[in-house]
Protein backbone atom coordinates (compact mmCIF):
# COMPACT_ATOMS: atom_id res chain seq x y z
CA MET A 1 138.12 89.89 106.43
CA ARG A 2 136.23 93.00 105.43
CA VAL A 3 132.61 92.65 104.34
CA LEU A 4 130.48 95.32 102.70
CA GLY A 5 126.82 95.07 103.74
CA ILE A 6 123.94 96.38 101.61
CA GLU A 7 120.40 96.66 103.03
CA THR A 8 117.52 97.67 100.71
CA SER A 9 114.59 95.56 101.89
CA CYS A 10 112.06 98.37 102.34
CA ASP A 11 112.35 102.13 102.86
CA GLU A 12 115.89 102.57 104.19
CA THR A 13 119.15 102.27 102.27
CA GLY A 14 121.80 100.98 104.67
CA ILE A 15 125.49 100.47 103.87
CA ALA A 16 128.29 99.34 106.21
CA VAL A 17 131.71 97.70 106.33
CA TYR A 18 132.43 95.11 109.01
CA ASP A 19 135.89 93.72 109.76
CA THR A 20 136.07 90.32 111.46
CA ASP A 21 139.05 91.52 113.51
CA ALA A 22 138.31 95.21 114.12
CA GLY A 23 134.49 95.15 114.14
CA LEU A 24 132.28 97.76 112.50
CA LEU A 25 134.44 100.19 110.52
CA ALA A 26 131.80 102.55 109.10
CA HIS A 27 128.10 102.71 108.30
CA ALA A 28 125.57 105.09 106.76
CA LEU A 29 121.80 105.11 106.38
CA HIS A 30 119.33 107.01 104.24
CA SER A 31 115.70 106.92 105.42
CA GLN A 32 112.80 107.49 103.03
CA VAL A 33 110.35 108.49 105.77
CA ALA A 34 109.92 112.04 104.50
CA MET A 35 109.20 110.81 100.97
CA HIS A 36 106.52 108.32 102.04
CA ARG A 37 104.87 110.49 104.70
CA ASP A 38 102.47 112.12 102.24
CA TYR A 39 101.13 108.67 101.33
CA GLY A 40 100.75 107.42 104.90
CA GLY A 41 102.94 104.39 104.21
CA VAL A 42 105.62 102.93 101.97
CA VAL A 43 105.02 103.12 98.20
CA PRO A 44 107.05 100.19 96.77
CA GLU A 45 107.87 101.73 93.39
CA LEU A 46 109.07 104.97 94.97
CA ALA A 47 111.12 103.00 97.47
CA SER A 48 112.88 101.03 94.72
CA ARG A 49 113.68 104.12 92.68
CA ASP A 50 115.12 105.89 95.72
CA HIS A 51 117.37 102.92 96.52
CA VAL A 52 118.74 103.17 92.96
CA ARG A 53 119.63 106.82 93.57
CA ARG A 54 121.18 106.32 97.01
CA VAL A 55 123.02 103.01 97.07
CA VAL A 56 126.18 103.84 95.07
CA PRO A 57 126.83 107.25 96.71
CA LEU A 58 126.36 105.65 100.14
CA ILE A 59 128.83 102.87 99.29
CA GLU A 60 131.39 105.50 98.24
CA ARG A 61 130.77 107.45 101.46
CA VAL A 62 131.14 104.42 103.74
CA LEU A 63 134.32 103.25 102.04
CA ALA A 64 135.77 106.77 102.38
CA ASP A 65 134.79 106.89 106.06
CA ALA A 66 136.48 103.52 106.61
CA GLY A 67 139.59 104.58 104.70
CA LEU A 68 139.15 101.71 102.24
CA ARG A 69 139.04 101.11 98.52
CA LEU A 70 136.81 98.58 96.75
CA ALA A 71 139.90 96.41 96.27
CA ASP A 72 140.23 96.12 100.07
CA LEU A 73 136.94 94.22 100.38
CA ASP A 74 136.86 90.45 100.90
CA ALA A 75 133.13 89.90 100.34
CA VAL A 76 129.83 91.67 99.75
CA ALA A 77 126.66 90.78 101.68
CA TYR A 78 123.16 91.87 100.70
CA THR A 79 119.63 91.43 102.00
CA GLN A 80 118.03 88.66 99.97
CA GLY A 81 114.69 88.82 101.79
CA PRO A 82 112.11 89.14 103.11
CA GLY A 83 111.01 92.55 101.87
CA LEU A 84 109.72 94.42 98.83
CA ALA A 85 110.76 92.60 95.66
CA GLY A 86 111.80 95.70 93.72
CA ALA A 87 113.73 97.15 96.63
CA LEU A 88 115.53 93.85 97.27
CA LEU A 89 116.53 93.61 93.61
CA VAL A 90 118.40 96.91 93.84
CA GLY A 91 120.70 95.71 96.61
CA ALA A 92 121.06 92.21 95.15
CA SER A 93 122.06 93.45 91.71
CA VAL A 94 124.56 96.02 93.01
CA ALA A 95 126.12 93.49 95.39
CA THR A 96 126.42 90.84 92.69
CA ALA A 97 127.92 93.28 90.20
CA LEU A 98 130.52 94.36 92.76
CA GLY A 99 131.34 90.79 93.68
CA TYR A 100 131.73 89.76 90.06
CA ALA A 101 133.93 92.74 89.22
CA LEU A 102 136.11 92.29 92.30
CA ARG A 103 136.10 88.47 92.11
CA ILE A 104 135.02 88.11 95.73
CA PRO A 105 132.18 86.12 97.33
CA VAL A 106 128.64 87.53 97.39
CA LEU A 107 126.61 86.49 100.44
CA PRO A 108 122.80 86.55 100.63
CA VAL A 109 121.52 87.48 104.09
CA HIS A 110 118.12 87.00 105.69
CA HIS A 111 116.86 90.40 106.85
CA LEU A 112 115.48 89.03 110.12
CA GLU A 113 118.70 87.16 110.85
CA GLY A 114 120.37 90.57 110.64
CA HIS A 115 118.00 91.95 113.25
CA LEU A 116 118.28 88.87 115.45
CA LEU A 117 122.10 89.07 115.57
CA SER A 118 122.35 92.88 115.67
CA PRO A 119 123.02 92.92 119.45
CA LEU A 120 126.38 91.31 118.58
CA LEU A 121 127.37 94.78 117.32
CA ALA A 122 127.01 96.19 120.85
CA SER A 123 129.30 95.94 123.84
CA PRO A 124 128.91 93.81 125.84
CA ARG A 125 127.68 91.30 123.30
CA PRO A 126 125.72 88.15 124.16
CA ASP A 127 127.22 84.69 123.94
CA PHE A 128 125.30 81.76 122.46
CA PRO A 129 122.91 80.25 123.42
CA PHE A 130 120.12 82.73 124.14
CA VAL A 131 116.42 83.38 123.67
CA ALA A 132 115.64 86.05 121.10
CA LEU A 133 112.54 88.24 121.06
CA LEU A 134 112.33 89.47 117.48
CA VAL A 135 109.90 92.38 117.10
CA SER A 136 110.45 93.87 113.68
CA GLY A 137 107.81 95.18 111.27
CA GLY A 138 105.29 92.42 110.64
CA HIS A 139 107.08 89.94 112.92
CA SER A 140 106.73 89.19 116.62
CA GLN A 141 108.58 85.95 117.26
CA LEU A 142 110.53 84.10 119.92
CA PHE A 143 113.50 81.90 119.02
CA ASP A 144 115.87 79.64 120.88
CA VAL A 145 119.25 80.55 119.35
CA THR A 146 122.18 78.16 119.75
CA GLY A 147 124.46 79.55 117.02
CA VAL A 148 124.57 81.29 113.66
CA GLY A 149 121.81 79.76 111.56
CA GLU A 150 120.55 77.67 114.48
CA TYR A 151 117.14 79.17 115.24
CA ARG A 152 114.30 77.15 116.75
CA LEU A 153 110.95 78.93 116.64
CA LEU A 154 109.29 79.00 120.06
CA GLY A 155 106.39 81.37 119.48
CA ASP A 156 104.94 83.41 116.64
CA THR A 157 102.32 86.06 116.05
CA GLN A 158 99.01 84.64 114.86
CA ASP A 159 97.91 87.79 113.03
CA ASP A 160 99.05 91.41 113.48
CA ALA A 161 102.52 91.81 114.97
CA ALA A 162 103.34 94.29 117.73
CA GLY A 163 104.77 96.82 115.29
CA GLU A 164 101.63 96.65 113.16
CA ALA A 165 99.46 97.24 116.22
CA PHE A 166 101.51 100.33 117.07
CA ASP A 167 101.32 101.68 113.52
CA LYS A 168 97.64 100.96 112.91
CA THR A 169 96.54 102.44 116.22
CA ALA A 170 98.64 105.54 115.54
CA LYS A 171 96.91 105.93 112.18
CA LEU A 172 93.42 105.70 113.67
CA LEU A 173 94.41 108.39 116.18
CA GLY A 174 95.51 110.64 113.34
CA LEU A 175 99.23 110.54 114.15
CA ALA A 176 101.84 111.21 111.46
CA TYR A 177 103.72 108.45 109.65
CA PRO A 178 105.70 106.55 110.87
CA GLY A 179 103.07 105.88 113.48
CA GLY A 180 104.85 103.64 115.99
CA PRO A 181 107.43 106.16 117.23
CA ALA A 182 104.78 108.92 117.23
CA LEU A 183 102.46 106.79 119.37
CA SER A 184 105.26 106.03 121.83
CA ARG A 185 106.05 109.74 122.22
CA LEU A 186 102.36 110.50 122.78
CA ALA A 187 102.14 107.73 125.38
CA ASP A 188 104.64 109.61 127.54
CA THR A 189 101.92 112.17 128.29
CA GLY A 190 99.11 109.70 129.01
CA THR A 191 97.55 108.99 132.41
CA PRO A 192 98.17 105.45 133.69
CA GLY A 193 94.94 103.52 134.24
CA ALA A 194 92.72 106.10 132.53
CA VAL A 195 91.52 103.46 130.03
CA ARG A 196 91.81 99.69 129.88
CA LEU A 197 92.50 97.41 126.92
CA PRO A 198 92.88 93.59 126.79
CA ARG A 199 96.16 91.68 126.88
CA PRO A 200 95.62 89.10 124.08
CA MET A 201 96.82 85.53 124.65
CA LEU A 202 98.50 86.49 127.91
CA ALA A 203 97.16 83.30 129.51
CA SER A 204 97.21 81.11 126.39
CA GLY A 205 99.63 78.61 127.88
CA ASN A 206 101.98 78.86 124.91
CA LEU A 207 104.45 81.40 123.51
CA ASP A 208 102.35 82.57 120.56
CA MET A 209 101.08 86.15 120.32
CA SER A 210 98.20 88.04 118.73
CA PHE A 211 97.71 91.78 118.43
CA SER A 212 94.86 92.12 115.92
CA GLY A 213 92.22 92.00 118.65
CA LEU A 214 94.08 94.63 120.64
CA LYS A 215 94.09 96.96 117.64
CA THR A 216 90.33 96.37 117.18
CA ALA A 217 89.68 97.04 120.87
CA ALA A 218 91.59 100.32 120.60
CA LEU A 219 89.54 101.29 117.55
CA THR A 220 86.26 100.46 119.33
CA LEU A 221 87.31 102.49 122.37
CA ALA A 222 88.40 105.46 120.28
CA ARG A 223 85.12 105.49 118.34
CA LYS A 224 83.12 105.31 121.57
CA GLU A 225 85.14 108.16 123.08
CA ALA A 226 84.66 110.21 119.91
CA GLY A 227 80.87 109.83 120.14
CA GLY A 228 80.49 108.87 116.51
CA SER A 229 82.89 111.48 115.21
CA ALA A 230 86.17 110.71 113.49
CA THR A 231 88.64 109.23 115.96
CA GLU A 232 91.18 111.88 114.94
CA SER A 233 88.93 114.46 116.61
CA LEU A 234 89.50 113.06 120.10
CA PRO A 235 91.05 115.50 122.59
CA ALA A 236 94.83 115.24 122.71
CA ALA A 237 94.74 114.07 126.34
CA ARG A 238 92.41 111.19 125.50
CA LYS A 239 94.57 110.17 122.56
CA ALA A 240 97.53 110.10 124.94
CA ASP A 241 95.62 107.86 127.37
CA ILE A 242 94.81 105.38 124.59
CA ALA A 243 98.39 105.51 123.30
CA LEU A 244 99.75 104.76 126.76
CA GLU A 245 97.34 101.87 127.30
CA ILE A 246 98.01 100.16 123.97
CA GLN A 247 101.75 100.51 124.55
CA SER A 248 101.33 99.05 128.05
CA ALA A 249 99.27 96.15 126.71
CA ILE A 250 101.84 95.34 124.01
CA VAL A 251 104.74 95.56 126.47
CA ASP A 252 102.88 93.35 128.98
CA VAL A 253 102.39 90.63 126.38
CA LEU A 254 105.89 90.79 124.90
CA ALA A 255 107.57 90.79 128.31
CA SER A 256 105.41 87.98 129.65
CA LYS A 257 106.04 85.76 126.63
CA ALA A 258 109.79 86.48 126.62
CA LEU A 259 110.15 85.60 130.31
CA ALA A 260 108.08 82.45 129.80
CA ALA A 261 110.45 81.48 126.95
CA LEU A 262 113.42 81.86 129.28
CA ARG A 263 111.76 79.60 131.85
CA GLN A 264 110.78 77.05 129.23
CA THR A 265 114.26 76.79 127.71
CA GLY A 266 116.25 77.29 130.90
CA ARG A 267 118.29 80.02 129.23
CA GLY A 268 119.79 82.87 131.21
CA ARG A 269 120.22 85.32 128.33
CA LEU A 270 117.58 87.25 126.38
CA VAL A 271 118.21 89.23 123.19
CA VAL A 272 115.63 91.80 122.07
CA ALA A 273 115.93 92.94 118.45
CA GLY A 274 114.01 94.79 115.76
CA GLY A 275 112.33 98.17 115.51
CA VAL A 276 110.04 97.70 118.52
CA GLY A 277 113.19 96.90 120.50
CA ALA A 278 113.82 100.66 120.52
CA ASN A 279 110.67 101.23 122.59
CA ARG A 280 111.69 102.73 125.92
CA ALA A 281 108.89 101.11 127.93
CA LEU A 282 109.82 97.65 126.63
CA ARG A 283 113.49 98.24 127.39
CA GLU A 284 112.71 99.34 130.93
CA ARG A 285 110.44 96.35 131.59
CA LEU A 286 112.80 93.72 130.24
CA GLY A 287 115.88 95.50 131.57
CA ALA A 288 114.56 94.75 135.05
CA ALA A 289 114.04 91.03 134.29
CA PRO A 290 115.94 88.38 136.27
CA ALA A 291 118.19 87.54 133.32
CA GLN A 292 120.97 88.98 131.21
CA VAL A 293 119.15 91.12 128.64
CA TYR A 294 120.79 92.50 125.52
CA PHE A 295 119.51 95.17 123.13
CA PRO A 296 121.08 96.50 119.94
CA ASP A 297 122.16 100.12 119.97
CA LEU A 298 119.23 102.36 119.02
CA ALA A 299 120.85 103.10 115.65
CA PHE A 300 120.71 99.40 114.82
CA CYS A 301 117.13 98.64 115.93
CA THR A 302 115.65 99.77 112.63
CA ASP A 303 116.86 98.53 109.23
CA ASN A 304 120.58 99.13 108.66
CA GLY A 305 123.57 97.91 106.70
CA ALA A 306 125.67 97.11 109.76
CA MET A 307 123.59 94.08 110.68
CA ILE A 308 123.82 92.75 107.11
CA ALA A 309 127.59 93.22 107.01
CA LEU A 310 127.88 91.49 110.40
CA VAL A 311 125.89 88.43 109.33
CA GLY A 312 127.81 88.30 106.06
CA ALA A 313 131.07 88.29 108.01
CA LEU A 314 129.85 85.55 110.35
CA ARG A 315 128.69 83.45 107.43
CA LEU A 316 131.91 84.01 105.49
CA ARG A 317 134.07 83.01 108.44
CA ALA A 318 132.02 79.88 109.12
CA ALA A 319 131.76 78.68 105.52
CA PRO A 320 133.38 80.73 102.74
CA GLN A 321 130.99 80.68 99.79
CA GLY A 322 129.20 82.82 97.30
CA ASP A 323 128.83 82.65 93.53
CA HIS A 324 127.57 85.46 91.32
CA ALA A 325 124.06 84.25 90.58
CA PHE A 326 121.36 85.87 92.67
CA GLU A 327 117.69 85.84 93.52
CA VAL A 328 115.52 87.71 95.97
CA ARG A 329 113.04 86.15 98.39
CA PRO A 330 110.27 88.62 99.33
CA ARG A 331 108.75 85.93 101.59
CA TRP A 332 111.20 83.88 103.58
CA ASP A 333 110.80 82.03 106.88
CA LEU A 334 113.76 82.60 109.22
CA ALA A 335 113.31 79.14 110.76
CA THR A 336 114.27 77.52 107.42
CA LEU A 337 117.89 78.75 107.53
CA THR A 338 120.73 76.29 107.99
CA PRO A 339 124.06 77.05 109.71
CA GLY A 340 126.25 76.55 106.64
CA ASN A 341 124.13 78.10 103.91
CA PRO A 342 121.80 81.02 104.51
CA ALA A 343 120.13 80.72 101.11
CA ARG A 344 119.17 77.06 101.44
CA ALA A 345 116.11 75.89 103.31
CA ALA A 346 116.50 73.12 105.84
């Protein structure tokens, strides 16, 4: 079965075709980073309009790359949520129109389920069950995963997620958007131990996380170092020291909580997914853990159509479904999914 995946939850238009027998056939991605850089963040209306411009040409490109026609598709999957409402509506409406015209199922997919299962696109791929560390955008969560749609929440962020701490600290240091990758690159030139920041909730006794206090501590330190001047005026070397320390603090917390989740569940496999999963320091730390650790390919850490096509294919194979009515869910808790129906809360 061949499934077309459409991802338009935020600022990247992702399209892919996944075959349940042959795997990923083709994928393409358009990033809006350059467009939003002047604003220092994503502008929802601009994001929606750009998805409208990009989605059909990208579908045509991916089908051509895969050597397929629209008539060769067995289903269409789209990101139903969470995300920006206007952006989600673009993908949902295009997917539903295609499904209706082709008389094939249309499958709504949870964006975070796509991230969580994206390591299944890699080789080797993890078998169920496993613990998943999901660090994507505004989410830092730990799940016990026993199958598709079977996700038990073990720990959650209480305020800012790891990705938000990266981005907000980058902004206060005057780094260009998107801030997280820029901060990680700057950290490579920092001096270990030059500054010290807290490790929030490291000894909390549970698997929850919190990064708001860490971001505030970084801001306080930067202002002190700047002597009352704007934090952007700090010397480059001092910015690098702060960048390295906040990255180290985040990695310490994420790694500690993930390893504690493995001990608590007795699992031997750990999956790390989401944008922060591309961070080299986190990969090195967890790659040395006494467990089987799986990461998605770097191309599939950020938002992409391949993960949506994959989940659509898994859902279609498990329980063929899909009518041609649609809705989007800008806010949607991953833990409410059920194995047989991704759009129905448990």
